[in-house]
Every structure is written in structure tokens, then in C-alpha cells.
Amino acid sequence: MTSAAIVNPRGLISDGLAFLGLQAARRPAAALCMFMAGGLALLGAGAAAGSAFSQQHLADQAGRADLGSTRAQRELNALAARVGELQAQANRLNALGDRLTRMGGLRDGEFDFDKPVGVGGDDAVRDMPRAELGQSLGQLERAFGDSGKQLTVLETLLTDRQLALNSVPSREPVRDSYITSGFGQRADPIVGGGQFHKGIDFEADVGDAVLAVADGVVSFAGDRSGYGNTVEIDHGNGYVTRYAHNSQLERRVGELVRAGQEIAKAGSTGRSTGAHVHFEVWQNGRVMNPRQFLQGPVVRG
């Protein structure tokens, strides 16, 4: 495709008028015809030049419009990517909030970042410039980041608290049972006379599951004089629990156990008059009354 030369209409008109003036002085009639013909030619040339100029101008405008559209699309893509990142952060915070809700006993939805909140105002609605939108997204990103850090710290604190609570003896060693002999002074059940009972006895049948009352590590599993088959668990923070007179042991020294897991089968080994579970709690080397730790067991009667 050949490109049309851009002609300056003003130059053509000036030259044409000079030529026509010379001819008009010599032959008026011929000059009139030439003037008319020249005028038509000049008008045609001017129109052609104007058309070429307009086409070039439109092409330049179209190019600038395409460039602006491309730039706007890139900006929209960048904003969309940032919105996607914020949504991912919101999903992460929601998952973290769910864990904190369960750990802290909070109401469901307390940390639901997808739940719409009530907002309003009487200000007139206006279009938000792209620069202002980008600034708002940046502030939102920083706020999400700060909230995530705070929730992570809170999760760590709740986890530490939960671990501490799980290591304190606070459950019964036998399900659906009751206390048959309490802590402290009592009459010896075998030979009579006074005796200091270091723990409490739970009613149980031979083979009933004996359960760990808290998280910990098995520190002893074997026969202990007077206690028969015995399991001892170190719970940390100075707490140790003892489970005695078992018919069978289910755990070995060094094993990690969780609260509520089976550690032995109830029995009547050692110095015992019948099947039951003898349970003791020690704190920093001192025997304690288990009743102050356990939740719910009652003395029969």
C-alpha cells in the first residue's frame, strides 16, 4: 500500500494565485478559465491533503487508545491479583479462627472473615480512582498481615495453655465408676489397724480399661511391692500419677500417652482384697489428695 504524500494546502494556494495573476494580465478570458480550473485543482489537492491528515490523526488516536487500554488492563490484572492474595489471606485467617474458636471455646463465627458486616453512611457515592483503590488495597493487606500475626500469637498462647491443662490430672481413671475408699487415714482392709491411704480406690471389674488421666510419658511399668502391676505416668510440671493392682499392663516405659487412652486392665494384683483401681497423684515428690484434681467422682453410699 502506497502512502499518500502530505501536501501543504497553503503553499499550493499561494503559488496558484501568483500564476493566475500573471495570466490574467495578458488574456482575461483565458485567465478566468484557468483560475476556475486552478481553483478546482487546489480544492481537490486540499481535500486530499486534509483527508490524509485526518486519517493519520485518527490512526494516532487509535494507537494511543490501544496503548491506554493495554495499560488499564495491566493495572486491572495487578489489582485482581492483589484481591486474590487478600482472599487467600482471608481463607487462612478463617481457618486459624476456626481453630481458635475450638481451642478457646468461643462462639462459632467469631472469626469468620467472610461474613458481611453492617456498614452504611449518607455520603454521596463516587467513582474511586485507581490510585486510591490501590492505596486502600495496600492498607487492607497490611491490616490482614497484622491480624494474622496477632492471631498466630494467640494460637500459640492457647496451645500452651491447652498443653498445660492436658498435663494436669483432671479425669477419672475408670469410666462410669465411683470411689470405694478415700484418701488419708483408714482401717487397713487386710490386717486391721490404722493405715494412711495414699490414693483413692475406684470400683472396677477385672479387665476393665484403666485410663490415663492426663497427657504424659510412662515413667514406670511393672511390678511394685504392695501395688502389684503398676503404671506410673510423668505429666511434667512436677505431676506424676500411679495406677495399681492391674491385671495387665498395656504400655511400656517411655511411651507417650494422651488423656483418656487405655494404659492397663483392672485387676487385683499385689496387696488387694478384690478387683479395683488404686489411683495416686504426686506433685513435686509429695503425695496429694486426688479428689482435688478429679472432676465428678463421688464416694459410694
C-alpha atoms as a PDB file:
ATOM      1  CA  MET A   1       0.000   0.000   0.000  1.00  0.00           C
ATOM      2  CA  THR A   2       1.489   3.370  -1.087  1.00  0.00           C
ATOM      3  CA  SER A   3       1.360   6.141   1.431  1.00  0.00           C
ATOM      4  CA  ALA A   4      -0.068   9.483   0.234  1.00  0.00           C
ATOM      5  CA  ALA A   5       2.258  12.434   0.478  1.00  0.00           C
ATOM      6  CA  ILE A   6       1.013  15.125   2.783  1.00  0.00           C
ATOM      7  CA  VAL A   7       0.684  18.374   0.796  1.00  0.00           C
ATOM      8  CA  ASN A   8       0.647  21.790   2.371  1.00  0.00           C
ATOM      9  CA  PRO A   9      -2.566  23.436   1.106  1.00  0.00           C
ATOM     10  CA  ARG A  10      -1.358  26.933   1.917  1.00  0.00           C
ATOM     11  CA  GLY A  11       1.720  26.602  -0.361  1.00  0.00           C
ATOM     12  CA  LEU A  12      -0.357  25.366  -3.261  1.00  0.00           C
ATOM     13  CA  ILE A  13      -2.852  28.186  -2.957  1.00  0.00           C
ATOM     14  CA  SER A  14      -0.105  30.845  -2.807  1.00  0.00           C
ATOM     15  CA  ASP A  15       1.716  29.572  -5.904  1.00  0.00           C
ATOM     16  CA  GLY A  16      -1.509  29.179  -7.831  1.00  0.00           C
ATOM     17  CA  LEU A  17      -2.656  32.720  -7.148  1.00  0.00           C
ATOM     18  CA  ALA A  18       0.665  34.139  -8.343  1.00  0.00           C
ATOM     19  CA  PHE A  19       0.467  32.211 -11.596  1.00  0.00           C
ATOM     20  CA  LEU A  20      -3.146  33.187 -12.250  1.00  0.00           C
ATOM     21  CA  GLY A  21      -2.396  36.858 -11.632  1.00  0.00           C
ATOM     22  CA  LEU A  22       0.262  36.870 -14.373  1.00  0.00           C
ATOM     23  CA  GLN A  23      -2.005  35.186 -16.905  1.00  0.00           C
ATOM     24  CA  ALA A  24      -4.957  37.470 -16.121  1.00  0.00           C
ATOM     25  CA  ALA A  25      -2.935  40.489 -17.122  1.00  0.00           C
ATOM     26  CA  ARG A  26      -2.258  39.025 -20.590  1.00  0.00           C
ATOM     27  CA  ARG A  27      -5.509  37.223 -21.524  1.00  0.00           C
ATOM     28  CA  PRO A  28      -8.509  37.910 -19.264  1.00  0.00           C
ATOM     29  CA  ALA A  29     -10.861  35.224 -20.687  1.00  0.00           C
ATOM     30  CA  ALA A  30      -8.280  32.516 -20.657  1.00  0.00           C
ATOM     31  CA  ALA A  31      -7.224  33.642 -17.220  1.00  0.00           C
ATOM     32  CA  LEU A  32     -10.751  33.224 -15.910  1.00  0.00           C
ATOM     33  CA  CYS A  33     -10.888  29.657 -17.173  1.00  0.00           C
ATOM     34  CA  MET A  34      -7.513  28.898 -15.788  1.00  0.00           C
ATOM     35  CA  PHE A  35      -8.486  30.472 -12.471  1.00  0.00           C
ATOM     36  CA  MET A  36     -11.540  28.290 -12.225  1.00  0.00           C
ATOM     37  CA  ALA A  37      -9.614  25.162 -13.210  1.00  0.00           C
ATOM     38  CA  GLY A  38      -6.820  26.007 -10.823  1.00  0.00           C
ATOM     39  CA  GLY A  39      -9.285  26.613  -8.028  1.00  0.00           C
ATOM     40  CA  LEU A  40     -10.871  23.244  -8.563  1.00  0.00           C
ATOM     41  CA  ALA A  41      -7.438  21.616  -8.637  1.00  0.00           C
ATOM     42  CA  LEU A  42      -6.425  23.397  -5.481  1.00  0.00           C
ATOM     43  CA  LEU A  43      -9.643  22.369  -3.739  1.00  0.00           C
ATOM     44  CA  GLY A  44      -9.049  18.762  -4.772  1.00  0.00           C
ATOM     45  CA  ALA A  45      -5.462  18.825  -3.564  1.00  0.00           C
ATOM     46  CA  GLY A  46      -6.506  20.447  -0.295  1.00  0.00           C
ATOM     47  CA  ALA A  47      -9.233  17.898   0.238  1.00  0.00           C
ATOM     48  CA  ALA A  48      -6.812  15.052  -0.457  1.00  0.00           C
ATOM     49  CA  ALA A  49      -4.247  16.523   1.899  1.00  0.00           C
ATOM     50  CA  GLY A  50      -6.879  17.091   4.598  1.00  0.00           C
ATOM     51  CA  SER A  51      -8.132  13.543   4.201  1.00  0.00           C
ATOM     52  CA  ALA A  52      -4.625  12.125   4.568  1.00  0.00           C
ATOM     53  CA  PHE A  53      -4.017  14.315   7.636  1.00  0.00           C
ATOM     54  CA  SER A  54      -7.312  13.207   9.216  1.00  0.00           C
ATOM     55  CA  GLN A  55      -6.541   9.542   8.604  1.00  0.00           C
ATOM     56  CA  GLN A  56      -3.112   9.905  10.213  1.00  0.00           C
ATOM     57  CA  HIS A  57      -4.643  11.755  13.174  1.00  0.00           C
ATOM     58  CA  LEU A  58      -7.267   9.039  13.646  1.00  0.00           C
ATOM     59  CA  ALA A  59      -4.579   6.367  13.419  1.00  0.00           C
ATOM     60  CA  ASP A  60      -2.552   8.162  16.105  1.00  0.00           C
ATOM     61  CA  GLN A  61      -5.619   8.435  18.323  1.00  0.00           C
ATOM     62  CA  ALA A  62      -6.398   4.741  17.836  1.00  0.00           C
ATOM     63  CA  GLY A  63      -2.816   3.838  18.758  1.00  0.00           C
ATOM     64  CA  ARG A  64      -2.973   5.942  21.896  1.00  0.00           C
ATOM     65  CA  ALA A  65      -6.336   4.379  22.787  1.00  0.00           C
ATOM     66  CA  ASP A  66      -4.914   0.870  22.324  1.00  0.00           C
ATOM     67  CA  LEU A  67      -1.912   1.767  24.471  1.00  0.00           C
ATOM     68  CA  GLY A  68      -4.165   3.197  27.179  1.00  0.00           C
ATOM     69  CA  SER A  69      -6.417   0.141  27.049  1.00  0.00           C
ATOM     70  CA  THR A  70      -3.425  -2.186  27.395  1.00  0.00           C
ATOM     71  CA  ARG A  71      -2.077  -0.187  30.332  1.00  0.00           C
ATOM     72  CA  ALA A  72      -5.513  -0.170  32.009  1.00  0.00           C
ATOM     73  CA  GLN A  73      -5.837  -3.931  31.522  1.00  0.00           C
ATOM     74  CA  ARG A  74      -2.420  -4.490  33.104  1.00  0.00           C
ATOM     75  CA  GLU A  75      -3.456  -2.373  36.087  1.00  0.00           C
ATOM     76  CA  LEU A  76      -6.724  -4.306  36.407  1.00  0.00           C
ATOM     77  CA  ASN A  77      -4.836  -7.605  36.264  1.00  0.00           C
ATOM     78  CA  ALA A  78      -2.483  -6.396  39.000  1.00  0.00           C
ATOM     79  CA  LEU A  79      -5.420  -5.315  41.179  1.00  0.00           C
ATOM     80  CA  ALA A  80      -7.157  -8.640  40.560  1.00  0.00           C
ATOM     81  CA  ALA A  81      -4.008 -10.479  41.650  1.00  0.00           C
ATOM     82  CA  ARG A  82      -3.879  -8.456  44.872  1.00  0.00           C
ATOM     83  CA  VAL A  83      -7.551  -9.188  45.520  1.00  0.00           C
ATOM     84  CA  GLY A  84      -6.805 -12.897  45.031  1.00  0.00           C
ATOM     85  CA  GLU A  85      -3.964 -12.691  47.549  1.00  0.00           C
ATOM     86  CA  LEU A  86      -6.272 -10.969  50.046  1.00  0.00           C
ATOM     87  CA  GLN A  87      -8.866 -13.703  49.570  1.00  0.00           C
ATOM     88  CA  ALA A  88      -6.201 -16.329  50.260  1.00  0.00           C
ATOM     89  CA  GLN A  89      -5.223 -14.454  53.430  1.00  0.00           C
ATOM     90  CA  ALA A  90      -8.884 -14.282  54.452  1.00  0.00           C
ATOM     91  CA  ASN A  91      -9.207 -18.052  53.966  1.00  0.00           C
ATOM     92  CA  ARG A  92      -6.104 -18.613  56.094  1.00  0.00           C
ATOM     93  CA  LEU A  93      -7.411 -16.328  58.834  1.00  0.00           C
ATOM     94  CA  ASN A  94     -10.768 -18.119  58.739  1.00  0.00           C
ATOM     95  CA  ALA A  95      -9.048 -21.483  59.214  1.00  0.00           C
ATOM     96  CA  LEU A  96      -6.972 -20.046  62.047  1.00  0.00           C
ATOM     97  CA  GLY A  97     -10.105 -18.512  63.544  1.00  0.00           C
ATOM     98  CA  ASP A  98     -11.855 -21.897  63.458  1.00  0.00           C
ATOM     99  CA  ARG A  99      -9.003 -23.444  65.432  1.00  0.00           C
ATOM    100  CA  LEU A 100      -9.029 -20.615  67.951  1.00  0.00           C
ATOM    101  CA  THR A 101     -12.810 -20.925  68.293  1.00  0.00           C
ATOM    102  CA  ARG A 102     -12.480 -24.593  69.204  1.00  0.00           C
ATOM    103  CA  MET A 103      -9.474 -24.074  71.474  1.00  0.00           C
ATOM    104  CA  GLY A 104     -10.887 -21.055  73.294  1.00  0.00           C
ATOM    105  CA  GLY A 105     -14.492 -22.220  73.495  1.00  0.00           C
ATOM    106  CA  LEU A 106     -15.707 -19.191  71.543  1.00  0.00           C
ATOM    107  CA  ARG A 107     -18.949 -18.845  69.639  1.00  0.00           C
ATOM    108  CA  ASP A 108     -18.999 -20.183  66.073  1.00  0.00           C
ATOM    109  CA  GLY A 109     -18.362 -17.433  63.554  1.00  0.00           C
ATOM    110  CA  GLU A 110     -16.406 -15.247  65.971  1.00  0.00           C
ATOM    111  CA  PHE A 111     -13.502 -15.202  63.486  1.00  0.00           C
ATOM    112  CA  ASP A 112     -15.490 -15.562  60.228  1.00  0.00           C
ATOM    113  CA  PHE A 113     -13.894 -13.038  57.848  1.00  0.00           C
ATOM    114  CA  ASP A 114     -16.288 -13.971  55.018  1.00  0.00           C
ATOM    115  CA  LYS A 115     -19.346 -12.893  56.998  1.00  0.00           C
ATOM    116  CA  PRO A 116     -20.590  -9.465  55.843  1.00  0.00           C
ATOM    117  CA  VAL A 117     -20.621  -6.754  58.484  1.00  0.00           C
ATOM    118  CA  GLY A 118     -23.086  -3.902  58.821  1.00  0.00           C
ATOM    119  CA  VAL A 119     -21.858  -0.668  57.227  1.00  0.00           C
ATOM    120  CA  GLY A 120     -23.524   2.498  55.962  1.00  0.00           C
ATOM    121  CA  GLY A 121     -23.383   6.268  55.606  1.00  0.00           C
ATOM    122  CA  ASP A 122     -25.070   9.227  53.950  1.00  0.00           C
ATOM    123  CA  ASP A 123     -22.129  10.355  51.812  1.00  0.00           C
ATOM    124  CA  ALA A 124     -22.665  10.581  48.061  1.00  0.00           C
ATOM    125  CA  VAL A 125     -21.332   7.654  46.065  1.00  0.00           C
ATOM    126  CA  ARG A 126     -18.399   8.486  43.789  1.00  0.00           C
ATOM    127  CA  ASP A 127     -16.077   6.629  41.482  1.00  0.00           C
ATOM    128  CA  MET A 128     -12.854   5.587  43.200  1.00  0.00           C
ATOM    129  CA  PRO A 129      -9.675   6.462  41.259  1.00  0.00           C
ATOM    130  CA  ARG A 130      -7.317   3.577  40.538  1.00  0.00           C
ATOM    131  CA  ALA A 131      -4.580   5.139  42.658  1.00  0.00           C
ATOM    132  CA  GLU A 132      -6.926   5.436  45.643  1.00  0.00           C
ATOM    133  CA  LEU A 133      -8.125   1.866  45.144  1.00  0.00           C
ATOM    134  CA  GLY A 134      -4.531   0.629  45.124  1.00  0.00           C
ATOM    135  CA  GLN A 135      -3.819   2.560  48.313  1.00  0.00           C
ATOM    136  CA  SER A 136      -6.890   1.044  50.006  1.00  0.00           C
ATOM    137  CA  LEU A 137      -5.823  -2.448  48.987  1.00  0.00           C
ATOM    138  CA  GLY A 138      -2.367  -1.789  50.416  1.00  0.00           C
ATOM    139  CA  GLN A 139      -3.859  -0.730  53.747  1.00  0.00           C
ATOM    140  CA  LEU A 140      -6.061  -3.827  53.741  1.00  0.00           C
ATOM    141  CA  GLU A 141      -3.058  -6.057  53.048  1.00  0.00           C
ATOM    142  CA  ARG A 142      -1.169  -4.561  55.986  1.00  0.00           C
ATOM    143  CA  ALA A 143      -4.208  -4.933  58.255  1.00  0.00           C
ATOM    144  CA  PHE A 144      -4.596  -8.599  57.255  1.00  0.00           C
ATOM    145  CA  GLY A 145      -0.908  -9.181  57.899  1.00  0.00           C
ATOM    146  CA  ASP A 146      -1.080  -7.615  61.362  1.00  0.00           C
ATOM    147  CA  SER A 147      -4.232  -9.572  62.220  1.00  0.00           C
ATOM    148  CA  GLY A 148      -2.613 -12.804  61.082  1.00  0.00           C
ATOM    149  CA  LYS A 149       0.406 -12.196  63.327  1.00  0.00           C
ATOM    150  CA  GLN A 150      -1.802 -11.408  66.315  1.00  0.00           C
ATOM    151  CA  LEU A 151      -3.966 -14.489  65.787  1.00  0.00           C
ATOM    152  CA  THR A 152      -0.858 -16.667  65.429  1.00  0.00           C
ATOM    153  CA  VAL A 153       0.457 -15.375  68.762  1.00  0.00           C
ATOM    154  CA  LEU A 154      -2.954 -16.010  70.318  1.00  0.00           C
ATOM    155  CA  GLU A 155      -2.963 -19.543  68.919  1.00  0.00           C
ATOM    156  CA  THR A 156       0.451 -20.178  70.474  1.00  0.00           C
ATOM    157  CA  LEU A 157      -0.763 -18.924  73.855  1.00  0.00           C
ATOM    158  CA  LEU A 158      -3.929 -21.031  73.690  1.00  0.00           C
ATOM    159  CA  THR A 159      -1.918 -24.075  72.620  1.00  0.00           C
ATOM    160  CA  ASP A 160       0.466 -23.633  75.541  1.00  0.00           C
ATOM    161  CA  ARG A 161      -2.473 -23.217  77.894  1.00  0.00           C
ATOM    162  CA  GLN A 162      -4.186 -26.297  76.485  1.00  0.00           C
ATOM    163  CA  LEU A 163      -0.995 -28.335  76.832  1.00  0.00           C
ATOM    164  CA  ALA A 164      -0.668 -27.188  80.437  1.00  0.00           C
ATOM    165  CA  LEU A 165      -4.284 -28.116  81.158  1.00  0.00           C
ATOM    166  CA  ASN A 166      -3.891 -31.503  79.478  1.00  0.00           C
ATOM    167  CA  SER A 167      -0.921 -32.291  81.715  1.00  0.00           C
ATOM    168  CA  VAL A 168      -2.894 -31.736  84.941  1.00  0.00           C
ATOM    169  CA  PRO A 169      -4.689 -34.827  86.335  1.00  0.00           C
ATOM    170  CA  SER A 170      -8.345 -33.933  85.878  1.00  0.00           C
ATOM    171  CA  ARG A 171     -10.116 -37.090  84.676  1.00  0.00           C
ATOM    172  CA  GLU A 172     -11.204 -40.367  86.195  1.00  0.00           C
ATOM    173  CA  PRO A 173      -9.039 -43.456  85.575  1.00  0.00           C
ATOM    174  CA  VAL A 174     -12.125 -45.656  85.115  1.00  0.00           C
ATOM    175  CA  ARG A 175     -15.265 -44.812  83.156  1.00  0.00           C
ATOM    176  CA  ASP A 176     -18.627 -44.710  84.918  1.00  0.00           C
ATOM    177  CA  SER A 177     -17.156 -45.707  88.263  1.00  0.00           C
ATOM    178  CA  TYR A 178     -17.204 -44.442  91.836  1.00  0.00           C
ATOM    179  CA  ILE A 179     -14.815 -44.156  94.775  1.00  0.00           C
ATOM    180  CA  THR A 180     -14.861 -47.078  97.195  1.00  0.00           C
ATOM    181  CA  SER A 181     -12.085 -45.865  99.513  1.00  0.00           C
ATOM    182  CA  GLY A 182     -10.893 -42.309 100.021  1.00  0.00           C
ATOM    183  CA  PHE A 183      -7.577 -40.595 100.659  1.00  0.00           C
ATOM    184  CA  GLY A 184      -5.988 -40.399 104.126  1.00  0.00           C
ATOM    185  CA  GLN A 185      -6.331 -42.356 107.355  1.00  0.00           C
ATOM    186  CA  ARG A 186      -8.408 -45.530 107.265  1.00  0.00           C
ATOM    187  CA  ALA A 187      -8.575 -49.029 108.748  1.00  0.00           C
ATOM    188  CA  ASP A 188      -6.296 -51.460 106.953  1.00  0.00           C
ATOM    189  CA  PRO A 189      -8.600 -53.722 104.887  1.00  0.00           C
ATOM    190  CA  ILE A 190      -6.392 -56.810 105.361  1.00  0.00           C
ATOM    191  CA  VAL A 191      -4.926 -56.832 108.884  1.00  0.00           C
ATOM    192  CA  GLY A 192      -6.891 -54.021 110.516  1.00  0.00           C
ATOM    193  CA  GLY A 193      -5.343 -51.206 112.473  1.00  0.00           C
ATOM    194  CA  GLY A 194      -4.661 -47.700 111.237  1.00  0.00           C
ATOM    195  CA  GLN A 195      -3.248 -47.012 107.794  1.00  0.00           C
ATOM    196  CA  PHE A 196      -2.598 -43.901 105.697  1.00  0.00           C
ATOM    197  CA  HIS A 197      -4.136 -44.484 102.284  1.00  0.00           C
ATOM    198  CA  LYS A 198      -2.016 -42.587  99.722  1.00  0.00           C
ATOM    199  CA  GLY A 199      -4.634 -42.590  96.995  1.00  0.00           C
ATOM    200  CA  ILE A 200      -8.249 -43.386  96.240  1.00  0.00           C
ATOM    201  CA  ASP A 201      -9.776 -46.646  95.056  1.00  0.00           C
ATOM    202  CA  PHE A 202     -12.217 -46.909  92.153  1.00  0.00           C
ATOM    203  CA  GLU A 203     -14.656 -49.768  91.703  1.00  0.00           C
ATOM    204  CA  ALA A 204     -13.766 -51.913  88.680  1.00  0.00           C
ATOM    205  CA  ASP A 205     -14.105 -55.432  87.328  1.00  0.00           C
ATOM    206  CA  VAL A 206     -11.167 -57.497  86.163  1.00  0.00           C
ATOM    207  CA  GLY A 207     -10.343 -56.458  82.603  1.00  0.00           C
ATOM    208  CA  ASP A 208     -11.944 -53.008  82.737  1.00  0.00           C
ATOM    209  CA  ALA A 209      -9.936 -50.348  80.904  1.00  0.00           C
ATOM    210  CA  VAL A 210      -7.670 -48.193  83.071  1.00  0.00           C
ATOM    211  CA  LEU A 211      -7.252 -44.741  81.512  1.00  0.00           C
ATOM    212  CA  ALA A 212      -4.572 -42.056  81.690  1.00  0.00           C
ATOM    213  CA  VAL A 213      -5.981 -39.025  83.483  1.00  0.00           C
ATOM    214  CA  ALA A 214      -3.728 -36.571  81.601  1.00  0.00           C
ATOM    215  CA  ASP A 215      -1.123 -36.375  78.833  1.00  0.00           C
ATOM    216  CA  GLY A 216       2.318 -37.625  79.765  1.00  0.00           C
ATOM    217  CA  VAL A 217       5.124 -40.165  79.380  1.00  0.00           C
ATOM    218  CA  VAL A 218       5.153 -43.599  81.019  1.00  0.00           C
ATOM    219  CA  SER A 219       7.932 -43.495  83.627  1.00  0.00           C
ATOM    220  CA  PHE A 220       7.315 -46.931  85.196  1.00  0.00           C
ATOM    221  CA  ALA A 221       5.524 -50.088  84.074  1.00  0.00           C
ATOM    222  CA  GLY A 222       5.959 -53.283  86.092  1.00  0.00           C
ATOM    223  CA  ASP A 223       5.523 -54.909  89.474  1.00  0.00           C
ATOM    224  CA  ARG A 224       5.884 -52.688  92.524  1.00  0.00           C
ATOM    225  CA  SER A 225       5.843 -54.075  96.065  1.00  0.00           C
ATOM    226  CA  GLY A 226       2.354 -53.964  97.555  1.00  0.00           C
ATOM    227  CA  TYR A 227       0.919 -52.349  94.409  1.00  0.00           C
ATOM    228  CA  GLY A 228       1.157 -55.322  92.059  1.00  0.00           C
ATOM    229  CA  ASN A 229       1.204 -54.494  88.346  1.00  0.00           C
ATOM    230  CA  THR A 230       1.639 -50.733  88.272  1.00  0.00           C
ATOM    231  CA  VAL A 231       1.827 -47.953  85.686  1.00  0.00           C
ATOM    232  CA  GLU A 232       3.255 -44.528  86.530  1.00  0.00           C
ATOM    233  CA  ILE A 233       2.998 -41.515  84.215  1.00  0.00           C
ATOM    234  CA  ASP A 234       5.078 -38.344  84.357  1.00  0.00           C
ATOM    235  CA  HIS A 235       2.917 -35.416  83.201  1.00  0.00           C
ATOM    236  CA  GLY A 236       5.518 -32.675  83.563  1.00  0.00           C
ATOM    237  CA  ASN A 237       5.288 -29.651  85.844  1.00  0.00           C
ATOM    238  CA  GLY A 238       6.036 -31.957  88.781  1.00  0.00           C
ATOM    239  CA  TYR A 239       2.934 -34.165  88.339  1.00  0.00           C
ATOM    240  CA  VAL A 240       3.130 -37.988  88.464  1.00  0.00           C
ATOM    241  CA  THR A 241       0.154 -40.370  88.625  1.00  0.00           C
ATOM    242  CA  ARG A 242       0.153 -44.023  89.722  1.00  0.00           C
ATOM    243  CA  TYR A 243      -2.320 -46.780  88.711  1.00  0.00           C
ATOM    244  CA  ALA A 244      -2.016 -50.006  90.731  1.00  0.00           C
ATOM    245  CA  HIS A 245      -3.315 -53.617  91.159  1.00  0.00           C
ATOM    246  CA  ASN A 246      -3.760 -54.091  87.390  1.00  0.00           C
ATOM    247  CA  SER A 247      -4.220 -57.495  85.809  1.00  0.00           C
ATOM    248  CA  GLN A 248      -2.387 -56.485  82.624  1.00  0.00           C
ATOM    249  CA  LEU A 249      -0.192 -53.576  81.532  1.00  0.00           C
ATOM    250  CA  GLU A 250      -0.733 -52.017  78.097  1.00  0.00           C
ATOM    251  CA  ARG A 251       2.124 -49.500  77.988  1.00  0.00           C
ATOM    252  CA  ARG A 252       5.914 -49.501  78.180  1.00  0.00           C
ATOM    253  CA  VAL A 253       8.340 -47.074  79.766  1.00  0.00           C
ATOM    254  CA  GLY A 254       8.993 -44.087  77.503  1.00  0.00           C
ATOM    255  CA  GLU A 255       5.690 -44.231  75.622  1.00  0.00           C
ATOM    256  CA  LEU A 256       3.729 -41.026  75.146  1.00  0.00           C
ATOM    257  CA  VAL A 257       0.107 -41.292  76.273  1.00  0.00           C
ATOM    258  CA  ARG A 258      -2.822 -38.939  75.883  1.00  0.00           C
ATOM    259  CA  ALA A 259      -5.555 -38.221  78.381  1.00  0.00           C
ATOM    260  CA  GLY A 260      -8.241 -40.898  78.130  1.00  0.00           C
ATOM    261  CA  GLN A 261      -6.047 -43.526  76.458  1.00  0.00           C
ATOM    262  CA  GLU A 262      -6.027 -47.055  77.884  1.00  0.00           C
ATOM    263  CA  ILE A 263      -2.848 -47.914  79.792  1.00  0.00           C
ATOM    264  CA  ALA A 264      -3.801 -51.139  81.628  1.00  0.00           C
ATOM    265  CA  LYS A 265      -6.534 -53.639  82.522  1.00  0.00           C
ATOM    266  CA  ALA A 266      -8.022 -53.511  86.014  1.00  0.00           C
ATOM    267  CA  GLY A 267      -7.328 -56.399  88.370  1.00  0.00           C
ATOM    268  CA  SER A 268      -6.408 -57.405  91.927  1.00  0.00           C
ATOM    269  CA  THR A 269      -2.640 -57.985  91.892  1.00  0.00           C
ATOM    270  CA  GLY A 270      -0.441 -57.050  94.844  1.00  0.00           C
ATOM    271  CA  ARG A 271      -1.859 -56.349  98.281  1.00  0.00           C
ATOM    272  CA  SER A 272      -5.539 -56.268  97.435  1.00  0.00           C
ATOM    273  CA  THR A 273      -8.832 -57.793  98.585  1.00  0.00           C
ATOM    274  CA  GLY A 274     -10.536 -57.657  95.188  1.00  0.00           C
ATOM    275  CA  ALA A 275     -10.609 -56.065  91.762  1.00  0.00           C
ATOM    276  CA  HIS A 276     -10.346 -52.282  91.801  1.00  0.00           C
ATOM    277  CA  VAL A 277      -8.089 -49.455  90.575  1.00  0.00           C
ATOM    278  CA  HIS A 278      -5.853 -47.758  93.132  1.00  0.00           C
ATOM    279  CA  PHE A 279      -5.013 -44.236  91.941  1.00  0.00           C
ATOM    280  CA  GLU A 280      -2.443 -41.784  93.329  1.00  0.00           C
ATOM    281  CA  VAL A 281      -1.312 -38.254  92.416  1.00  0.00           C
ATOM    282  CA  TRP A 282       2.151 -36.926  93.285  1.00  0.00           C
ATOM    283  CA  GLN A 283       3.262 -33.328  92.891  1.00  0.00           C
ATOM    284  CA  ASN A 284       6.926 -32.391  93.262  1.00  0.00           C
ATOM    285  CA  GLY A 285       7.587 -35.558  95.247  1.00  0.00           C
ATOM    286  CA  ARG A 286       4.653 -35.147  97.637  1.00  0.00           C
ATOM    287  CA  VAL A 287       1.563 -37.328  97.604  1.00  0.00           C
ATOM    288  CA  MET A 288      -1.633 -35.317  97.055  1.00  0.00           C
ATOM    289  CA  ASN A 289      -5.325 -35.990  97.536  1.00  0.00           C
ATOM    290  CA  PRO A 290      -6.550 -36.918  94.036  1.00  0.00           C
ATOM    291  CA  ARG A 291     -10.015 -35.616  94.826  1.00  0.00           C
ATOM    292  CA  GLN A 292      -8.814 -32.024  94.446  1.00  0.00           C
ATOM    293  CA  PHE A 293      -7.885 -32.716  90.807  1.00  0.00           C
ATOM    294  CA  LEU A 294     -10.632 -35.006  89.567  1.00  0.00           C
ATOM    295  CA  GLN A 295     -13.958 -33.841  88.213  1.00  0.00           C
ATOM    296  CA  GLY A 296     -17.066 -35.709  89.246  1.00  0.00           C
ATOM    297  CA  PRO A 297     -16.232 -38.928  91.122  1.00  0.00           C
ATOM    298  CA  VAL A 298     -18.303 -39.433  94.278  1.00  0.00           C
ATOM    299  CA  VAL A 299     -17.939 -41.753  97.228  1.00  0.00           C
ATOM    300  CA  ARG A 300     -20.337 -44.683  97.157  1.00  0.00           C
ATOM    301  CA  GLY A 301     -23.036 -44.650  99.693  1.00  0.00           C
END
